Structure formats: C-alpha cells, structure tokens
Amino acid sequence: MPIPMPSTRPKEAKLFRNNRSQAVRIPVEFELPGDRVLIHREGDKLIIEPVKTPANILELLAAWRQEPPLGPEDQFPEIDDMPARPEDIF
C-alpha cells in the first residue's frame, strides 16, 4: 500500500549540470523513497514520481505484462547446433 504523502507548499529548488544532464537538488521535505523515479512532462511541468517496487510475484508479473514486446535487436541470434561429440564413458 502506498504511503500517502502530505501536500506541501511549493518551494524553489536548485538546478545544476551533471555531465550532459540537467539535475535538480530536491529539498529534504520532498525526499522520495528508493533510488529511481519516473519522470514525465505535463505541459510546462515536470512530474517526478517514485518507482513502485512490486510487493510480490503477482505484482511483478503484472508489471512485466505492461512492458512492450522485445524488438528484433533484443532477440538472441540463431546458433547452428553442433553435432554431438562421441564420448568414451567406459
């Protein structure tokens, strides 16, 4: 069950560069659980949400079902079967 987060007043945060990416320093009162977030744009706003970790195998399987199918670049290459080598077992 998600932990309800109380609403707060807006607070200014600092933007900075991390190599070629722009990053935001999030104030402690806005700290999110975990080490990964989902980010998307709604108009001129960026929405940052914590990634929900599946609580059990059923939630994990349901999350995998939402993933798009693998593309051709994700498939294993065809490998010709090699003939079996005779082995002397005695």
PDB file of N, CA and C in Angstrom:
ATOM      1  N   MET A   1       0.852  -1.177   0.000  1.00  0.00           N
ATOM      2  CA  MET A   1       0.000   0.000   0.000  1.00  0.00           C
ATOM      3  C   MET A   1       0.897   1.239   0.000  1.00  0.00           C
ATOM      4  N   PRO A   2       0.648   2.182  -0.914  1.00  0.00           N
ATOM      5  CA  PRO A   2       1.496   3.380  -0.964  1.00  0.00           C
ATOM      6  C   PRO A   2       1.340   4.233   0.285  1.00  0.00           C
ATOM      7  N   ILE A   3       2.431   4.855   0.668  1.00  0.00           N
ATOM      8  CA  ILE A   3       2.411   5.760   1.814  1.00  0.00           C
ATOM      9  C   ILE A   3       1.878   7.105   1.334  1.00  0.00           C
ATOM     10  N   PRO A   4       0.773   7.593   1.926  1.00  0.00           N
ATOM     11  CA  PRO A   4       0.264   8.893   1.489  1.00  0.00           C
ATOM     12  C   PRO A   4       1.250   9.999   1.846  1.00  0.00           C
ATOM     13  N   MET A   5       1.485  10.869   0.890  1.00  0.00           N
ATOM     14  CA  MET A   5       2.401  11.977   1.129  1.00  0.00           C
ATOM     15  C   MET A   5       1.580  13.250   1.274  1.00  0.00           C
ATOM     16  N   PRO A   6       1.825  13.990   2.335  1.00  0.00           N
ATOM     17  CA  PRO A   6       1.045  15.209   2.541  1.00  0.00           C
ATOM     18  C   PRO A   6       1.378  16.253   1.477  1.00  0.00           C
ATOM     19  N   SER A   7       0.390  17.081   1.165  1.00  0.00           N
ATOM     20  CA  SER A   7       0.624  18.185   0.235  1.00  0.00           C
ATOM     21  C   SER A   7       1.444  19.252   0.937  1.00  0.00           C
ATOM     22  N   THR A   8       2.298  19.910   0.190  1.00  0.00           N
ATOM     23  CA  THR A   8       3.122  20.975   0.750  1.00  0.00           C
ATOM     24  C   THR A   8       3.059  22.179  -0.168  1.00  0.00           C
ATOM     25  N   ARG A   9       3.512  23.284   0.359  1.00  0.00           N
ATOM     26  CA  ARG A   9       3.586  24.499  -0.453  1.00  0.00           C
ATOM     27  C   ARG A   9       4.769  24.385  -1.393  1.00  0.00           C
ATOM     28  N   PRO A  10       4.687  25.002  -2.557  1.00  0.00           N
ATOM     29  CA  PRO A  10       5.831  24.964  -3.481  1.00  0.00           C
ATOM     30  C   PRO A  10       7.076  25.570  -2.847  1.00  0.00           C
ATOM     31  N   LYS A  11       8.220  25.025  -3.215  1.00  0.00           N
ATOM     32  CA  LYS A  11       9.497  25.521  -2.725  1.00  0.00           C
ATOM     33  C   LYS A  11      10.465  25.540  -3.899  1.00  0.00           C
ATOM     34  N   GLU A  12      11.277  26.576  -3.974  1.00  0.00           N
ATOM     35  CA  GLU A  12      12.247  26.685  -5.052  1.00  0.00           C
ATOM     36  C   GLU A  12      13.377  25.683  -4.838  1.00  0.00           C
ATOM     37  N   ALA A  13      13.824  25.049  -5.937  1.00  0.00           N
ATOM     38  CA  ALA A  13      14.920  24.081  -5.877  1.00  0.00           C
ATOM     39  C   ALA A  13      16.002  24.505  -6.864  1.00  0.00           C
ATOM     40  N   LYS A  14      17.196  24.015  -6.646  1.00  0.00           N
ATOM     41  CA  LYS A  14      18.366  24.384  -7.442  1.00  0.00           C
ATOM     42  C   LYS A  14      18.565  23.400  -8.595  1.00  0.00           C
ATOM     43  N   LEU A  15      18.769  23.925  -9.805  1.00  0.00           N
ATOM     44  CA  LEU A  15      19.133  23.120 -10.966  1.00  0.00           C
ATOM     45  C   LEU A  15      20.640  23.177 -11.145  1.00  0.00           C
ATOM     46  N   PHE A  16      21.225  22.074 -11.604  1.00  0.00           N
ATOM     47  CA  PHE A  16      22.664  22.062 -11.881  1.00  0.00           C
ATOM     48  C   PHE A  16      22.942  21.054 -12.986  1.00  0.00           C
ATOM     49  N   ARG A  17      24.142  21.098 -13.511  1.00  0.00           N
ATOM     50  CA  ARG A  17      24.563  20.186 -14.575  1.00  0.00           C
ATOM     51  C   ARG A  17      25.340  19.024 -13.969  1.00  0.00           C
ATOM     52  N   ASN A  18      25.057  17.832 -14.464  1.00  0.00           N
ATOM     53  CA  ASN A  18      25.795  16.628 -14.109  1.00  0.00           C
ATOM     54  C   ASN A  18      26.220  16.004 -15.434  1.00  0.00           C
ATOM     55  N   ASN A  19      27.442  16.322 -15.858  1.00  0.00           N
ATOM     56  CA  ASN A  19      27.924  15.984 -17.199  1.00  0.00           C
ATOM     57  C   ASN A  19      27.004  16.645 -18.222  1.00  0.00           C
ATOM     58  N   ARG A  20      26.350  15.861 -19.087  1.00  0.00           N
ATOM     59  CA  ARG A  20      25.488  16.462 -20.106  1.00  0.00           C
ATOM     60  C   ARG A  20      24.022  16.507 -19.677  1.00  0.00           C
ATOM     61  N   SER A  21      23.711  16.053 -18.474  1.00  0.00           N
ATOM     62  CA  SER A  21      22.329  16.026 -17.993  1.00  0.00           C
ATOM     63  C   SER A  21      22.066  17.176 -17.041  1.00  0.00           C
ATOM     64  N   GLN A  22      20.830  17.635 -17.036  1.00  0.00           N
ATOM     65  CA  GLN A  22      20.413  18.624 -16.051  1.00  0.00           C
ATOM     66  C   GLN A  22      19.836  17.858 -14.863  1.00  0.00           C
ATOM     67  N   ALA A  23      20.139  18.302 -13.660  1.00  0.00           N
ATOM     68  CA  ALA A  23      19.665  17.641 -12.446  1.00  0.00           C
ATOM     69  C   ALA A  23      19.037  18.679 -11.530  1.00  0.00           C
ATOM     70  N   VAL A  24      18.241  18.207 -10.598  1.00  0.00           N
ATOM     71  CA  VAL A  24      17.600  19.097  -9.630  1.00  0.00           C
ATOM     72  C   VAL A  24      17.948  18.606  -8.229  1.00  0.00           C
ATOM     73  N   ARG A  25      18.295  19.523  -7.363  1.00  0.00           N
ATOM     74  CA  ARG A  25      18.577  19.191  -5.967  1.00  0.00           C
ATOM     75  C   ARG A  25      17.244  19.261  -5.223  1.00  0.00           C
ATOM     76  N   ILE A  26      16.762  18.114  -4.775  1.00  0.00           N
ATOM     77  CA  ILE A  26      15.439  18.030  -4.154  1.00  0.00           C
ATOM     78  C   ILE A  26      15.562  18.306  -2.659  1.00  0.00           C
ATOM     79  N   PRO A  27      14.808  19.286  -2.146  1.00  0.00           N
ATOM     80  CA  PRO A  27      14.843  19.573  -0.705  1.00  0.00           C
ATOM     81  C   PRO A  27      14.409  18.355   0.115  1.00  0.00           C
ATOM     82  N   VAL A  28      14.931  18.247   1.322  1.00  0.00           N
ATOM     83  CA  VAL A  28      14.711  17.074   2.164  1.00  0.00           C
ATOM     84  C   VAL A  28      13.224  16.809   2.414  1.00  0.00           C
ATOM     85  N   GLU A  29      12.412  17.849   2.513  1.00  0.00           N
ATOM     86  CA  GLU A  29      10.991  17.610   2.790  1.00  0.00           C
ATOM     87  C   GLU A  29      10.250  17.006   1.595  1.00  0.00           C
ATOM     88  N   PHE A  30      10.901  16.969   0.422  1.00  0.00           N
ATOM     89  CA  PHE A  30      10.310  16.359  -0.768  1.00  0.00           C
ATOM     90  C   PHE A  30      10.980  15.023  -1.105  1.00  0.00           C
ATOM     91  N   GLU A  31      11.809  14.513  -0.202  1.00  0.00           N
ATOM     92  CA  GLU A  31      12.558  13.283  -0.453  1.00  0.00           C
ATOM     93  C   GLU A  31      11.623  12.139  -0.819  1.00  0.00           C
ATOM     94  N   LEU A  32      12.038  11.353  -1.819  1.00  0.00           N
ATOM     95  CA  LEU A  32      11.254  10.211  -2.277  1.00  0.00           C
ATOM     96  C   LEU A  32      11.944   8.917  -1.851  1.00  0.00           C
ATOM     97  N   PRO A  33      11.182   7.841  -1.652  1.00  0.00           N
ATOM     98  CA  PRO A  33      11.793   6.562  -1.290  1.00  0.00           C
ATOM     99  C   PRO A  33      12.511   5.949  -2.491  1.00  0.00           C
ATOM    100  N   GLY A  34      13.491   5.112  -2.224  1.00  0.00           N
ATOM    101  CA  GLY A  34      14.177   4.386  -3.291  1.00  0.00           C
ATOM    102  C   GLY A  34      15.257   5.203  -3.970  1.00  0.00           C
ATOM    103  N   ASP A  35      15.758   4.663  -5.082  1.00  0.00           N
ATOM    104  CA  ASP A  35      16.823   5.354  -5.814  1.00  0.00           C
ATOM    105  C   ASP A  35      16.482   5.547  -7.290  1.00  0.00           C
ATOM    106  N   ARG A  36      15.219   5.324  -7.655  1.00  0.00           N
ATOM    107  CA  ARG A  36      14.778   5.527  -9.034  1.00  0.00           C
ATOM    108  C   ARG A  36      13.431   6.231  -9.032  1.00  0.00           C
ATOM    109  N   VAL A  37      13.197   7.039 -10.062  1.00  0.00           N
ATOM    110  CA  VAL A  37      11.929   7.748 -10.207  1.00  0.00           C
ATOM    111  C   VAL A  37      11.453   7.645 -11.648  1.00  0.00           C
ATOM    112  N   LEU A  38      10.165   7.886 -11.834  1.00  0.00           N
ATOM    113  CA  LEU A  38       9.589   8.064 -13.160  1.00  0.00           C
ATOM    114  C   LEU A  38       9.414   9.558 -13.358  1.00  0.00           C
ATOM    115  N   ILE A  39       9.695  10.043 -14.548  1.00  0.00           N
ATOM    116  CA  ILE A  39       9.549  11.464 -14.826  1.00  0.00           C
ATOM    117  C   ILE A  39       8.792  11.617 -16.139  1.00  0.00           C
ATOM    118  N   HIS A  40       7.831  12.531 -16.164  1.00  0.00           N
ATOM    119  CA  HIS A  40       7.122  12.832 -17.400  1.00  0.00           C
ATOM    120  C   HIS A  40       6.707  14.296 -17.402  1.00  0.00           C
ATOM    121  N   ARG A  41       6.381  14.767 -18.562  1.00  0.00           N
ATOM    122  CA  ARG A  41       6.027  16.173 -18.735  1.00  0.00           C
ATOM    123  C   ARG A  41       4.512  16.299 -18.897  1.00  0.00           C
ATOM    124  N   GLU A  42       3.939  17.285 -18.221  1.00  0.00           N
ATOM    125  CA  GLU A  42       2.537  17.674 -18.397  1.00  0.00           C
ATOM    126  C   GLU A  42       2.539  19.161 -18.692  1.00  0.00           C
ATOM    127  N   GLY A  43       2.437  19.509 -19.969  1.00  0.00           N
ATOM    128  CA  GLY A  43       2.535  20.916 -20.353  1.00  0.00           C
ATOM    129  C   GLY A  43       3.930  21.426 -20.060  1.00  0.00           C
ATOM    130  N   ASP A  44       4.024  22.511 -19.277  1.00  0.00           N
ATOM    131  CA  ASP A  44       5.345  23.049 -18.930  1.00  0.00           C
ATOM    132  C   ASP A  44       5.839  22.543 -17.573  1.00  0.00           C
ATOM    133  N   LYS A  45       5.173  21.523 -17.000  1.00  0.00           N
ATOM    134  CA  LYS A  45       5.567  20.959 -15.700  1.00  0.00           C
ATOM    135  C   LYS A  45       6.261  19.616 -15.891  1.00  0.00           C
ATOM    136  N   LEU A  46       7.233  19.340 -15.027  1.00  0.00           N
ATOM    137  CA  LEU A  46       7.837  18.014 -14.956  1.00  0.00           C
ATOM    138  C   LEU A  46       7.283  17.327 -13.716  1.00  0.00           C
ATOM    139  N   ILE A  47       6.775  16.134 -13.879  1.00  0.00           N
ATOM    140  CA  ILE A  47       6.211  15.369 -12.773  1.00  0.00           C
ATOM    141  C   ILE A  47       7.197  14.247 -12.437  1.00  0.00           C
ATOM    142  N   ILE A  48       7.606  14.171 -11.176  1.00  0.00           N
ATOM    143  CA  ILE A  48       8.545  13.150 -10.708  1.00  0.00           C
ATOM    144  C   ILE A  48       7.811  12.279  -9.692  1.00  0.00           C
ATOM    145  N   GLU A  49       7.820  10.959  -9.928  1.00  0.00           N
ATOM    146  CA  GLU A  49       7.128  10.022  -9.046  1.00  0.00           C
ATOM    147  C   GLU A  49       8.071   8.882  -8.670  1.00  0.00           C
ATOM    148  N   PRO A  50       7.952   8.346  -7.457  1.00  0.00           N
ATOM    149  CA  PRO A  50       8.790   7.202  -7.101  1.00  0.00           C
ATOM    150  C   PRO A  50       8.389   5.981  -7.924  1.00  0.00           C
ATOM    151  N   VAL A  51       9.353   5.134  -8.229  1.00  0.00           N
ATOM    152  CA  VAL A  51       9.070   3.872  -8.907  1.00  0.00           C
ATOM    153  C   VAL A  51       8.518   2.917  -7.866  1.00  0.00           C
ATOM    154  N   LYS A  52       7.357   2.358  -8.141  1.00  0.00           N
ATOM    155  CA  LYS A  52       6.743   1.429  -7.197  1.00  0.00           C
ATOM    156  C   LYS A  52       7.420   0.067  -7.329  1.00  0.00           C
ATOM    157  N   THR A  53       7.916  -0.456  -6.230  1.00  0.00           N
ATOM    158  CA  THR A  53       8.537  -1.772  -6.209  1.00  0.00           C
ATOM    159  C   THR A  53       7.448  -2.818  -5.996  1.00  0.00           C
ATOM    160  N   PRO A  54       7.386  -3.849  -6.852  1.00  0.00           N
ATOM    161  CA  PRO A  54       6.363  -4.880  -6.667  1.00  0.00           C
ATOM    162  C   PRO A  54       6.493  -5.542  -5.299  1.00  0.00           C
ATOM    163  N   ALA A  55       5.347  -5.753  -4.638  1.00  0.00           N
ATOM    164  CA  ALA A  55       5.342  -6.331  -3.294  1.00  0.00           C
ATOM    165  C   ALA A  55       5.424  -7.853  -3.327  1.00  0.00           C
ATOM    166  N   ASN A  56       5.022  -8.465  -4.452  1.00  0.00           N
ATOM    167  CA  ASN A  56       5.033  -9.923  -4.537  1.00  0.00           C
ATOM    168  C   ASN A  56       5.174 -10.337  -5.998  1.00  0.00           C
ATOM    169  N   ILE A  57       5.234 -11.638  -6.228  1.00  0.00           N
ATOM    170  CA  ILE A  57       5.466 -12.146  -7.583  1.00  0.00           C
ATOM    171  C   ILE A  57       4.315 -11.794  -8.523  1.00  0.00           C
ATOM    172  N   LEU A  58       3.089 -11.759  -8.021  1.00  0.00           N
ATOM    173  CA  LEU A  58       1.957 -11.429  -8.885  1.00  0.00           C
ATOM    174  C   LEU A  58       2.042  -9.987  -9.378  1.00  0.00           C
ATOM    175  N   GLU A  59       2.435  -9.063  -8.502  1.00  0.00           N
ATOM    176  CA  GLU A  59       2.611  -7.673  -8.929  1.00  0.00           C
ATOM    177  C   GLU A  59       3.751  -7.554  -9.935  1.00  0.00           C
ATOM    178  N   LEU A  60       4.818  -8.320  -9.718  1.00  0.00           N
ATOM    179  CA  LEU A  60       5.949  -8.295 -10.644  1.00  0.00           C
ATOM    180  C   LEU A  60       5.527  -8.793 -12.025  1.00  0.00           C
ATOM    181  N   LEU A  61       4.802  -9.899 -12.071  1.00  0.00           N
ATOM    182  CA  LEU A  61       4.336 -10.431 -13.354  1.00  0.00           C
ATOM    183  C   LEU A  61       3.378  -9.463 -14.042  1.00  0.00           C
ATOM    184  N   ALA A  62       2.514  -8.817 -13.273  1.00  0.00           N
ATOM    185  CA  ALA A  62       1.595  -7.832 -13.851  1.00  0.00           C
ATOM    186  C   ALA A  62       2.366  -6.646 -14.425  1.00  0.00           C
ATOM    187  N   ALA A  63       3.425  -6.217 -13.742  1.00  0.00           N
ATOM    188  CA  ALA A  63       4.239  -5.106 -14.246  1.00  0.00           C
ATOM    189  C   ALA A  63       4.951  -5.516 -15.530  1.00  0.00           C
ATOM    190  N   TRP A  64       5.464  -6.731 -15.590  1.00  0.00           N
ATOM    191  CA  TRP A  64       6.141  -7.208 -16.806  1.00  0.00           C
ATOM    192  C   TRP A  64       5.172  -7.268 -17.978  1.00  0.00           C
ATOM    193  N   ARG A  65       3.917  -7.609 -17.684  1.00  0.00           N
ATOM    194  CA  ARG A  65       2.913  -7.702 -18.753  1.00  0.00           C
ATOM    195  C   ARG A  65       2.696  -6.344 -19.429  1.00  0.00           C
ATOM    196  N   GLN A  66       2.932  -5.249 -18.711  1.00  0.00           N
ATOM    197  CA  GLN A  66       2.754  -3.903 -19.255  1.00  0.00           C
ATOM    198  C   GLN A  66       3.906  -3.490 -20.174  1.00  0.00           C
ATOM    199  N   GLU A  67       5.026  -4.208 -20.121  1.00  0.00           N
ATOM    200  CA  GLU A  67       6.191  -3.868 -20.939  1.00  0.00           C
ATOM    201  C   GLU A  67       5.922  -4.188 -22.404  1.00  0.00           C
ATOM    202  N   PRO A  68       6.463  -3.376 -23.317  1.00  0.00           N
ATOM    203  CA  PRO A  68       6.286  -3.678 -24.744  1.00  0.00           C
ATOM    204  C   PRO A  68       7.063  -4.938 -25.119  1.00  0.00           C
ATOM    205  N   PRO A  69       6.632  -5.620 -26.199  1.00  0.00           N
ATOM    206  CA  PRO A  69       7.364  -6.821 -26.611  1.00  0.00           C
ATOM    207  C   PRO A  69       8.777  -6.477 -27.068  1.00  0.00           C
ATOM    208  N   LEU A  70       9.650  -7.457 -27.012  1.00  0.00           N
ATOM    209  CA  LEU A  70      11.029  -7.253 -27.438  1.00  0.00           C
ATOM    210  C   LEU A  70      11.078  -7.015 -28.942  1.00  0.00           C
ATOM    211  N   GLY A  71      11.980  -6.152 -29.351  1.00  0.00           N
ATOM    212  CA  GLY A  71      12.187  -5.891 -30.769  1.00  0.00           C
ATOM    213  C   GLY A  71      13.236  -6.832 -31.335  1.00  0.00           C
ATOM    214  N   PRO A  72      13.454  -6.783 -32.657  1.00  0.00           N
ATOM    215  CA  PRO A  72      14.439  -7.674 -33.283  1.00  0.00           C
ATOM    216  C   PRO A  72      15.845  -7.499 -32.704  1.00  0.00           C
ATOM    217  N   GLU A  73      16.186  -6.291 -32.285  1.00  0.00           N
ATOM    218  CA  GLU A  73      17.524  -6.057 -31.737  1.00  0.00           C
ATOM    219  C   GLU A  73      17.702  -6.701 -30.362  1.00  0.00           C
ATOM    220  N   ASP A  74      16.596  -7.102 -29.718  1.00  0.00           N
ATOM    221  CA  ASP A  74      16.662  -7.715 -28.391  1.00  0.00           C
ATOM    222  C   ASP A  74      16.660  -9.242 -28.436  1.00  0.00           C
ATOM    223  N   GLN A  75      16.483  -9.821 -29.610  1.00  0.00           N
ATOM    224  CA  GLN A  75      16.377 -11.272 -29.741  1.00  0.00           C
ATOM    225  C   GLN A  75      17.760 -11.917 -29.734  1.00  0.00           C
ATOM    226  N   PHE A  76      17.816 -13.156 -29.275  1.00  0.00           N
ATOM    227  CA  PHE A  76      19.062 -13.908 -29.327  1.00  0.00           C
ATOM    228  C   PHE A  76      19.321 -14.327 -30.771  1.00  0.00           C
ATOM    229  N   PRO A  77      20.573 -14.308 -31.209  1.00  0.00           N
ATOM    230  CA  PRO A  77      20.871 -14.734 -32.583  1.00  0.00           C
ATOM    231  C   PRO A  77      20.700 -16.245 -32.728  1.00  0.00           C
ATOM    232  N   GLU A  78      20.385 -16.678 -33.944  1.00  0.00           N
ATOM    233  CA  GLU A  78      20.298 -18.113 -34.223  1.00  0.00           C
ATOM    234  C   GLU A  78      21.709 -18.700 -34.167  1.00  0.00           C
ATOM    235  N   ILE A  79      21.840 -19.826 -33.511  1.00  0.00           N
ATOM    236  CA  ILE A  79      23.129 -20.509 -33.413  1.00  0.00           C
ATOM    237  C   ILE A  79      22.946 -21.915 -33.971  1.00  0.00           C
ATOM    238  N   ASP A  80      23.769 -22.270 -34.946  1.00  0.00           N
ATOM    239  CA  ASP A  80      23.684 -23.614 -35.518  1.00  0.00           C
ATOM    240  C   ASP A  80      24.040 -24.641 -34.455  1.00  0.00           C
ATOM    241  N   ASP A  81      23.249 -25.727 -34.418  1.00  0.00           N
ATOM    242  CA  ASP A  81      23.556 -26.813 -33.487  1.00  0.00           C
ATOM    243  C   ASP A  81      24.803 -27.539 -33.966  1.00  0.00           C
ATOM    244  N   MET A  82      25.709 -27.756 -33.067  1.00  0.00           N
ATOM    245  CA  MET A  82      26.916 -28.508 -33.386  1.00  0.00           C
ATOM    246  C   MET A  82      26.602 -29.992 -33.211  1.00  0.00           C
ATOM    247  N   PRO A  83      27.177 -30.850 -34.062  1.00  0.00           N
ATOM    248  CA  PRO A  83      26.940 -32.288 -33.876  1.00  0.00           C
ATOM    249  C   PRO A  83      27.544 -32.752 -32.546  1.00  0.00           C
ATOM    250  N   ALA A  84      26.885 -33.703 -31.948  1.00  0.00           N
ATOM    251  CA  ALA A  84      27.361 -34.229 -30.665  1.00  0.00           C
ATOM    252  C   ALA A  84      28.695 -34.936 -30.856  1.00  0.00           C
ATOM    253  N   ARG A  85      29.587 -34.743 -29.900  1.00  0.00           N
ATOM    254  CA  ARG A  85      30.881 -35.437 -29.926  1.00  0.00           C
ATOM    255  C   ARG A  85      30.709 -36.791 -29.255  1.00  0.00           C
ATOM    256  N   PRO A  86      31.231 -37.828 -29.868  1.00  0.00           N
ATOM    257  CA  PRO A  86      31.155 -39.123 -29.166  1.00  0.00           C
ATOM    258  C   PRO A  86      32.059 -39.094 -27.932  1.00  0.00           C
ATOM    259  N   GLU A  87      31.576 -39.613 -26.854  1.00  0.00           N
ATOM    260  CA  GLU A  87      32.346 -39.660 -25.607  1.00  0.00           C
ATOM    261  C   GLU A  87      32.531 -41.117 -25.204  1.00  0.00           C
ATOM    262  N   ASP A  88      33.729 -41.468 -24.855  1.00  0.00           N
ATOM    263  CA  ASP A  88      34.006 -42.813 -24.351  1.00  0.00           C
ATOM    264  C   ASP A  88      33.766 -42.785 -22.844  1.00  0.00           C
ATOM    265  N   ILE A  89      32.674 -43.394 -22.402  1.00  0.00           N
ATOM    266  CA  ILE A  89      32.328 -43.327 -20.977  1.00  0.00           C
ATOM    267  C   ILE A  89      32.840 -44.534 -20.190  1.00  0.00           C
ATOM    268  N   PHE A  90      33.466 -45.527 -20.887  1.00  0.00           N
ATOM    269  CA  PHE A  90      33.993 -46.688 -20.169  1.00  0.00           C
ATOM    270  C   PHE A  90      35.456 -46.776 -20.314  1.00  0.00           C
TER     271      PHE A  90
END
